[in-house]
Amino acid sequence: MIWFKKKSKDTDNKEEIASDDGVISAEDIEAVDVEPKEVVQDDAADVDGGASQGWLSRLTGGLAKSTFKITQGLGDFVTKRKLDDDALEELEDVLIAADLGPHTAAALIEEFARERFGKDVDDQEIKEALALQVEALLEPVAGRLQIEALDNGPYVVLVCGVNGAGKTTTIGKIAERLMRDEGKSVMVAAGDTFRAAAVEQLRAWADRSGAQFYGKDTGADAAAVAYEAYQVAVDAGVDVLLIDTAGRLQNKTNLMDELQKIVRVLRKSNEDLPHQSVLVLDATTGQNAFSQVQTFGEMIDIDGLIVTKLDGSAKGGVLVGLAERFEKPVYAIGVGEKIDDLRAFDARDYARALMGVSDS
């Protein structure tokens, strides 16, 4: 499945840097230091129809914990039951427990009850109806990371997120997919200069995929790394430059300043940079992801989201809540360590897997 597509030049929008006025609250955002996991070699890519079926199986398996929480909560509806106020309240609690969020859960239940209140329903009918509603909610945010072929330099993607969200691994997977599936030349820049482990992990991904690597010693100025990487990428004729960034939030002012400085310095080379700013979110943080989207969005313009670690979470519903609240494009989701476990986000597949609805 190709999840990168070329972007038409006449749809390119220049976005301004976020204002420095005011203080951004990051109290609700968790910063977790983790040791990078060893790069896992993936199996050969699926081909033809097996690729789609293989991904659906992995997606369903990845969301199993979230699905179990929902289906377990629907236990009282295994046999037909009248949909009254008490039943609706129970259903709403089930969706909230799956991390859809109170507002999103209430909206879904209100829509669900509109044509069914007072009627007998069972668990399968509920799951199928909610899957359709979730799909309709997610469809507008099912996007693609659009990579445009440029004549004057590489297409630049700035990747941000808290430590432990999977930024570096995600960059490595994107680089390999771009080179393997799109035939593009890629450079990765180690802009997380706080952690030597992050630099070495990104270097390992570059070595594996054949992408060019640019990095400096730990403690180097991240904006300088980004600026120099862009200049080197221009000279080398690279198609795509992926820039990693630090995610430490113990000092919110420093993080805000660093991200904004990276954007500001990049624009000294080209006012259109970065062409995309992508926020990577760890699904296991649940409702904390809302604070991350809001706070990072106040630092810089966020063009789209990538949600990782859905395979280790019972909080897969958070993606639905994020879509309903922020309406940011979801470029991809991750359900494992392998290259092909990061795929384009498909609203229908996700909604049906989350609600435990099979196509068979």
Protein backbone atom coordinates (compact mmCIF):
# COMPACT_ATOMS: atom_id res chain seq x y z
CA MET A 1 0.00 0.00 0.00
CA ILE A 2 1.41 3.36 -1.00
CA TRP A 3 0.77 5.98 1.65
CA PHE A 4 2.83 8.79 0.24
CA LYS A 5 1.59 10.81 -2.71
CA LYS A 6 2.86 13.80 -4.61
CA LYS A 7 1.43 17.14 -3.65
CA SER A 8 0.28 19.58 -6.29
CA LYS A 9 2.23 22.82 -6.18
CA ASP A 10 -0.87 24.96 -6.41
CA THR A 11 -2.21 23.45 -3.18
CA ASP A 12 0.89 24.22 -1.16
CA ASN A 13 0.13 26.52 1.75
CA LYS A 14 2.72 28.62 3.50
CA GLU A 15 2.24 28.53 7.24
CA GLU A 16 3.46 31.07 9.73
CA ILE A 17 5.45 30.34 12.85
CA ALA A 18 3.46 30.23 16.09
CA SER A 19 3.36 33.40 18.20
CA ASP A 20 5.82 33.76 21.06
CA ASP A 21 3.25 35.71 23.09
CA GLY A 22 1.78 34.05 26.15
CA VAL A 23 2.84 31.05 28.21
CA ILE A 24 2.05 27.55 27.00
CA SER A 25 0.93 25.16 29.70
CA ALA A 26 2.41 21.70 29.39
CA GLU A 27 1.49 20.43 32.83
CA ASP A 28 -0.60 17.60 31.45
CA ILE A 29 2.06 16.38 29.04
CA GLU A 30 4.25 13.52 30.13
CA ALA A 31 7.85 13.28 28.99
CA VAL A 32 9.17 9.75 29.26
CA ASP A 33 12.80 8.87 28.67
CA VAL A 34 13.14 5.44 27.14
CA GLU A 35 16.00 3.51 25.71
CA PRO A 36 15.53 3.01 21.98
CA LYS A 37 14.46 -0.46 21.02
CA GLU A 38 16.70 -2.50 18.83
CA VAL A 39 15.86 -2.09 15.18
CA VAL A 40 13.80 -5.09 14.19
CA GLN A 41 14.26 -6.64 10.80
CA ASP A 42 10.92 -6.95 9.05
CA ASP A 43 9.74 -9.81 6.95
CA ALA A 44 9.43 -9.57 3.21
CA ALA A 45 6.61 -7.29 2.16
CA ASP A 46 3.25 -8.86 1.42
CA VAL A 47 2.25 -8.85 -2.22
CA ASP A 48 -0.98 -8.50 -4.15
CA GLY A 49 -4.17 -9.21 -2.17
CA GLY A 50 -2.23 -10.73 0.70
CA ALA A 51 -0.76 -7.36 1.56
CA SER A 52 -4.14 -5.84 2.32
CA GLN A 53 -5.36 -8.91 4.20
CA GLY A 54 -2.10 -9.14 6.14
CA TRP A 55 -2.39 -5.52 7.23
CA LEU A 56 -6.03 -5.93 8.27
CA SER A 57 -5.02 -8.90 10.40
CA ARG A 58 -2.23 -6.90 12.05
CA LEU A 59 -4.53 -3.93 12.59
CA THR A 60 -7.21 -6.12 14.15
CA GLY A 61 -4.61 -7.81 16.33
CA GLY A 62 -3.06 -4.49 17.27
CA LEU A 63 -6.38 -3.08 18.39
CA ALA A 64 -7.37 -6.27 20.22
CA LYS A 65 -6.98 -4.73 23.69
CA SER A 66 -9.14 -1.76 22.77
CA THR A 67 -11.69 -3.98 21.04
CA PHE A 68 -11.87 -6.30 24.05
CA LYS A 69 -12.60 -3.37 26.35
CA ILE A 70 -15.51 -2.34 24.13
CA THR A 71 -16.94 -5.83 23.52
CA GLN A 72 -16.58 -6.72 27.19
CA GLY A 73 -18.54 -3.60 28.07
CA LEU A 74 -21.31 -4.68 25.71
CA GLY A 75 -21.80 -7.95 27.58
CA ASP A 76 -25.27 -6.93 28.79
CA PHE A 77 -26.39 -6.58 25.18
CA VAL A 78 -25.51 -10.11 24.03
CA THR A 79 -29.24 -10.79 24.02
CA LYS A 80 -31.70 -8.19 22.81
CA ARG A 81 -32.28 -5.36 25.26
CA LYS A 82 -34.43 -2.25 25.09
CA LEU A 83 -32.45 0.91 24.39
CA ASP A 84 -33.57 3.15 27.25
CA ASP A 85 -31.79 5.92 29.16
CA ASP A 86 -29.99 3.46 31.42
CA ALA A 87 -28.74 1.45 28.45
CA LEU A 88 -27.51 4.59 26.69
CA GLU A 89 -25.63 5.66 29.80
CA GLU A 90 -23.95 2.26 29.96
CA LEU A 91 -22.98 2.47 26.29
CA GLU A 92 -21.53 5.94 26.80
CA ASP A 93 -19.46 4.66 29.73
CA VAL A 94 -18.11 1.85 27.53
CA LEU A 95 -16.90 4.34 24.91
CA ILE A 96 -15.37 6.64 27.52
CA ALA A 97 -13.53 3.67 29.02
CA ALA A 98 -12.07 2.98 25.57
CA ASP A 99 -10.63 6.53 25.61
CA LEU A 100 -12.86 8.10 22.99
CA GLY A 101 -13.34 10.97 25.43
CA PRO A 102 -16.57 12.21 27.05
CA HIS A 103 -17.52 14.68 24.30
CA THR A 104 -16.97 12.22 21.45
CA ALA A 105 -18.70 9.39 23.32
CA ALA A 106 -21.74 11.57 24.02
CA ALA A 107 -21.96 12.67 20.38
CA LEU A 108 -21.80 9.08 19.11
CA ILE A 109 -24.43 7.87 21.58
CA GLU A 110 -26.76 10.75 20.72
CA GLU A 111 -26.55 9.87 17.04
CA PHE A 112 -26.92 6.16 17.77
CA ALA A 113 -30.07 6.70 19.85
CA ARG A 114 -31.78 8.98 17.35
CA GLU A 115 -33.38 6.13 15.38
CA ARG A 116 -33.14 3.34 17.94
CA PHE A 117 -34.37 4.71 21.26
CA GLY A 118 -36.96 2.40 22.79
CA LYS A 119 -36.15 -0.44 20.40
CA ASP A 120 -34.56 -3.79 21.18
CA VAL A 121 -30.89 -4.01 20.20
CA ASP A 122 -28.10 -6.56 20.65
CA ASP A 123 -24.34 -6.24 20.85
CA GLN A 124 -23.70 -6.97 17.16
CA GLU A 125 -26.18 -4.33 16.02
CA ILE A 126 -24.57 -1.83 18.38
CA LYS A 127 -21.05 -2.58 17.15
CA GLU A 128 -22.01 -2.35 13.48
CA ALA A 129 -23.90 0.91 13.97
CA LEU A 130 -21.12 2.50 16.01
CA ALA A 131 -18.52 1.34 13.49
CA LEU A 132 -20.37 3.24 10.75
CA GLN A 133 -20.58 6.35 12.92
CA VAL A 134 -16.90 6.19 13.85
CA GLU A 135 -15.98 5.69 10.20
CA ALA A 136 -17.96 8.80 9.24
CA LEU A 137 -16.19 10.78 11.95
CA LEU A 138 -12.74 9.55 10.92
CA GLU A 139 -13.12 9.78 7.15
CA PRO A 140 -12.45 13.56 6.95
CA VAL A 141 -9.08 13.17 8.73
CA ALA A 142 -7.83 10.13 6.79
CA GLY A 143 -4.93 11.84 5.04
CA ARG A 144 -1.65 11.06 3.35
CA LEU A 145 1.81 12.45 3.95
CA GLN A 146 2.15 14.31 0.67
CA ILE A 147 5.68 14.42 -0.74
CA GLU A 148 6.19 16.93 -3.54
CA ALA A 149 9.00 16.69 -6.06
CA LEU A 150 10.83 20.03 -5.90
CA ASP A 151 13.37 21.58 -8.24
CA ASN A 152 15.16 23.78 -5.69
CA GLY A 153 15.88 21.35 -2.87
CA PRO A 154 14.49 18.48 -0.80
CA TYR A 155 10.97 18.21 0.54
CA VAL A 156 11.43 18.82 4.28
CA VAL A 157 9.42 17.05 6.98
CA LEU A 158 9.92 18.12 10.60
CA VAL A 159 8.95 15.38 13.07
CA CYS A 160 8.15 16.23 16.69
CA GLY A 161 6.65 14.63 19.79
CA VAL A 162 7.49 13.74 23.38
CA ASN A 163 10.28 11.31 24.19
CA GLY A 164 9.09 7.74 23.94
CA ALA A 165 6.40 8.47 21.34
CA GLY A 166 8.37 6.71 18.62
CA LYS A 167 9.61 9.69 16.58
CA THR A 168 12.98 8.24 15.64
CA THR A 169 11.63 4.81 14.75
CA THR A 170 8.84 6.41 12.73
CA ILE A 171 11.36 8.50 10.78
CA GLY A 172 13.35 5.35 10.05
CA LYS A 173 10.26 3.54 8.77
CA ILE A 174 9.19 6.48 6.62
CA ALA A 175 12.69 6.75 5.15
CA GLU A 176 12.77 3.07 4.25
CA ARG A 177 9.26 3.13 2.77
CA LEU A 178 10.07 6.22 0.67
CA MET A 179 13.22 4.61 -0.69
CA ARG A 180 11.79 1.10 -1.12
CA ASP A 181 8.34 1.94 -2.46
CA GLU A 182 8.78 5.38 -4.01
CA GLY A 183 12.38 5.22 -5.21
CA LYS A 184 13.19 8.53 -3.55
CA SER A 185 16.55 9.57 -2.14
CA VAL A 186 16.27 10.42 1.55
CA MET A 187 18.39 12.13 4.20
CA VAL A 188 17.63 11.89 7.92
CA ALA A 189 18.87 14.58 10.31
CA ALA A 190 19.46 13.87 14.00
CA GLY A 191 17.92 16.97 15.54
CA ASP A 192 17.40 15.31 18.93
CA THR A 193 20.80 16.43 20.16
CA PHE A 194 20.00 15.86 23.85
CA ARG A 195 20.24 12.06 23.66
CA ALA A 196 23.18 10.22 22.15
CA ALA A 197 20.94 7.14 21.94
CA ALA A 198 18.53 8.97 19.63
CA VAL A 199 21.37 9.95 17.29
CA GLU A 200 22.71 6.41 17.15
CA GLN A 201 19.26 4.90 16.65
CA LEU A 202 18.61 7.19 13.70
CA ARG A 203 22.04 6.38 12.28
CA ALA A 204 21.19 2.67 12.51
CA TRP A 205 17.97 3.22 10.56
CA ALA A 206 19.88 5.20 7.94
CA ASP A 207 22.47 2.44 7.60
CA ARG A 208 19.74 -0.15 7.22
CA SER A 209 17.72 1.70 4.58
CA GLY A 210 20.56 3.32 2.70
CA ALA A 211 19.35 6.83 3.57
CA GLN A 212 21.94 9.54 4.02
CA PHE A 213 22.54 10.61 7.62
CA TYR A 214 23.42 13.99 9.06
CA GLY A 215 24.17 14.47 12.73
CA LYS A 216 26.50 16.15 15.18
CA ASP A 217 27.73 15.53 18.70
CA THR A 218 25.35 15.41 21.65
CA GLY A 219 24.57 18.91 22.88
CA ALA A 220 24.90 20.57 19.48
CA ASP A 221 22.43 23.28 18.53
CA ALA A 222 19.41 21.53 17.02
CA ALA A 223 18.53 24.45 14.75
CA ALA A 224 22.07 24.46 13.38
CA VAL A 225 21.83 20.73 12.69
CA ALA A 226 18.58 21.24 10.77
CA TYR A 227 19.97 24.19 8.81
CA GLU A 228 23.21 22.43 7.89
CA ALA A 229 21.38 19.22 6.99
CA TYR A 230 19.21 21.16 4.57
CA GLN A 231 22.25 22.75 2.91
CA VAL A 232 23.95 19.36 2.57
CA ALA A 233 20.74 17.82 1.21
CA VAL A 234 20.43 20.58 -1.38
CA ASP A 235 24.01 20.06 -2.52
CA ALA A 236 23.51 16.29 -2.67
CA GLY A 237 20.30 16.54 -4.68
CA VAL A 238 18.32 14.62 -2.07
CA ASP A 239 14.55 14.30 -2.65
CA VAL A 240 13.36 14.23 0.97
CA LEU A 241 14.85 15.47 4.26
CA LEU A 242 13.36 14.07 7.49
CA ILE A 243 14.34 16.01 10.63
CA ASP A 244 14.13 14.45 14.09
CA THR A 245 13.65 16.74 17.11
CA ALA A 246 14.05 16.50 20.87
CA GLY A 247 10.96 15.81 22.92
CA ARG A 248 11.95 16.78 26.43
CA LEU A 249 9.28 18.82 28.19
CA GLN A 250 10.69 19.29 31.66
CA ASN A 251 11.31 22.90 30.64
CA LYS A 252 8.40 23.94 28.43
CA THR A 253 9.89 27.33 27.55
CA ASN A 254 13.11 25.80 26.24
CA LEU A 255 11.22 23.26 24.15
CA MET A 256 8.98 25.94 22.69
CA ASP A 257 11.98 28.10 21.88
CA GLU A 258 13.92 25.24 20.30
CA LEU A 259 11.12 24.09 18.00
CA GLN A 260 10.33 27.63 16.93
CA LYS A 261 14.03 28.34 16.42
CA ILE A 262 14.36 25.30 14.14
CA VAL A 263 11.51 26.60 11.98
CA ARG A 264 12.86 30.15 12.03
CA VAL A 265 16.39 29.10 11.05
CA LEU A 266 15.19 26.75 8.31
CA ARG A 267 13.24 29.63 6.79
CA LYS A 268 16.45 31.59 6.38
CA SER A 269 17.23 29.10 3.62
CA ASN A 270 13.72 28.82 2.21
CA GLU A 271 10.62 30.60 3.49
CA ASP A 272 8.48 27.54 2.72
CA LEU A 273 10.33 25.31 5.23
CA PRO A 274 9.42 22.98 6.70
CA HIS A 275 6.99 21.75 4.09
CA GLN A 276 5.33 19.50 6.67
CA SER A 277 5.43 19.39 10.48
CA VAL A 278 4.25 16.02 11.79
CA LEU A 279 3.41 15.19 15.41
CA VAL A 280 4.00 11.59 16.52
CA LEU A 281 1.72 10.40 19.32
CA ASP A 282 1.99 7.31 21.51
CA ALA A 283 -1.46 5.71 21.76
CA THR A 284 -0.67 4.29 25.20
CA THR A 285 -0.79 7.81 26.68
CA GLY A 286 -4.54 7.87 26.11
CA GLN A 287 -6.20 11.19 26.93
CA ASN A 288 -2.79 12.78 27.47
CA ALA A 289 -2.51 12.88 23.67
CA PHE A 290 -5.06 15.71 23.64
CA SER A 291 -2.71 17.91 25.67
CA GLN A 292 0.17 17.03 23.37
CA VAL A 293 -1.69 18.02 20.20
CA GLN A 294 -2.84 21.28 21.74
CA THR A 295 0.52 22.27 23.22
CA PHE A 296 2.67 21.34 20.22
CA GLY A 297 0.13 23.09 18.01
CA GLU A 298 0.70 26.27 19.98
CA MET A 299 4.45 25.96 19.43
CA ILE A 300 4.45 25.36 15.67
CA ASP A 301 1.91 24.64 12.95
CA ILE A 302 1.14 20.91 13.00
CA ASP A 303 0.09 19.61 9.59
CA GLY A 304 -0.71 16.02 10.52
CA LEU A 305 -0.49 13.21 13.06
CA ILE A 306 1.05 9.75 13.19
CA VAL A 307 -0.24 7.54 16.01
CA THR A 308 2.08 4.74 17.16
CA LYS A 309 2.03 1.78 19.58
CA LEU A 310 -1.61 0.93 19.04
CA ASP A 311 -0.63 -2.72 19.48
CA GLY A 312 0.35 -2.14 23.10
CA SER A 313 -2.66 -0.12 24.16
CA ALA A 314 -6.25 -0.56 25.25
CA LYS A 315 -6.72 3.13 24.42
CA GLY A 316 -7.17 2.94 20.66
CA GLY A 317 -10.32 5.02 20.95
CA VAL A 318 -8.21 8.11 21.62
CA LEU A 319 -7.65 8.48 17.89
CA VAL A 320 -11.40 8.92 17.41
CA GLY A 321 -11.50 11.64 20.04
CA LEU A 322 -8.52 13.42 18.49
CA ALA A 323 -10.20 13.41 15.09
CA GLU A 324 -13.43 14.82 16.50
CA ARG A 325 -11.74 17.58 18.51
CA PHE A 326 -8.79 18.73 16.41
CA GLU A 327 -9.69 17.63 12.86
CA LYS A 328 -5.99 17.16 12.06
CA PRO A 329 -5.12 14.74 9.25
CA VAL A 330 -3.98 11.34 10.48
CA TYR A 331 -1.23 10.30 8.08
CA ALA A 332 -0.41 6.87 9.45
CA ILE A 333 -0.80 4.49 12.36
CA GLY A 334 1.61 1.98 13.85
CA VAL A 335 0.74 -1.44 15.26
CA GLY A 336 4.19 -2.97 15.66
CA GLU A 337 7.92 -2.73 15.15
CA LYS A 338 8.17 -3.93 11.56
CA ILE A 339 8.40 -1.57 8.59
CA ASP A 340 5.00 -2.65 7.27
CA ASP A 341 3.40 -2.17 10.68
CA LEU A 342 3.32 1.56 9.92
CA ARG A 343 0.61 2.14 7.34
CA ALA A 344 -1.65 4.80 5.92
CA PHE A 345 -4.67 5.50 8.07
CA ASP A 346 -7.90 4.07 6.66
CA ALA A 347 -11.08 5.22 8.41
CA ARG A 348 -13.20 2.17 7.57
CA ASP A 349 -10.57 -0.40 8.49
CA TYR A 350 -9.83 1.35 11.78
CA ALA A 351 -13.46 1.84 12.79
CA ARG A 352 -14.42 -1.77 12.11
CA ALA A 353 -11.32 -3.17 13.81
CA LEU A 354 -11.88 -0.97 16.87
CA MET A 355 -15.51 -2.03 17.21
CA GLY A 356 -14.77 -5.69 16.54
CA VAL A 357 -16.77 -5.89 13.31
CA SER A 358 -15.58 -8.43 10.76
CA ASP A 359 -16.02 -8.14 7.00
CA SER A 360 -16.40 -11.89 6.69
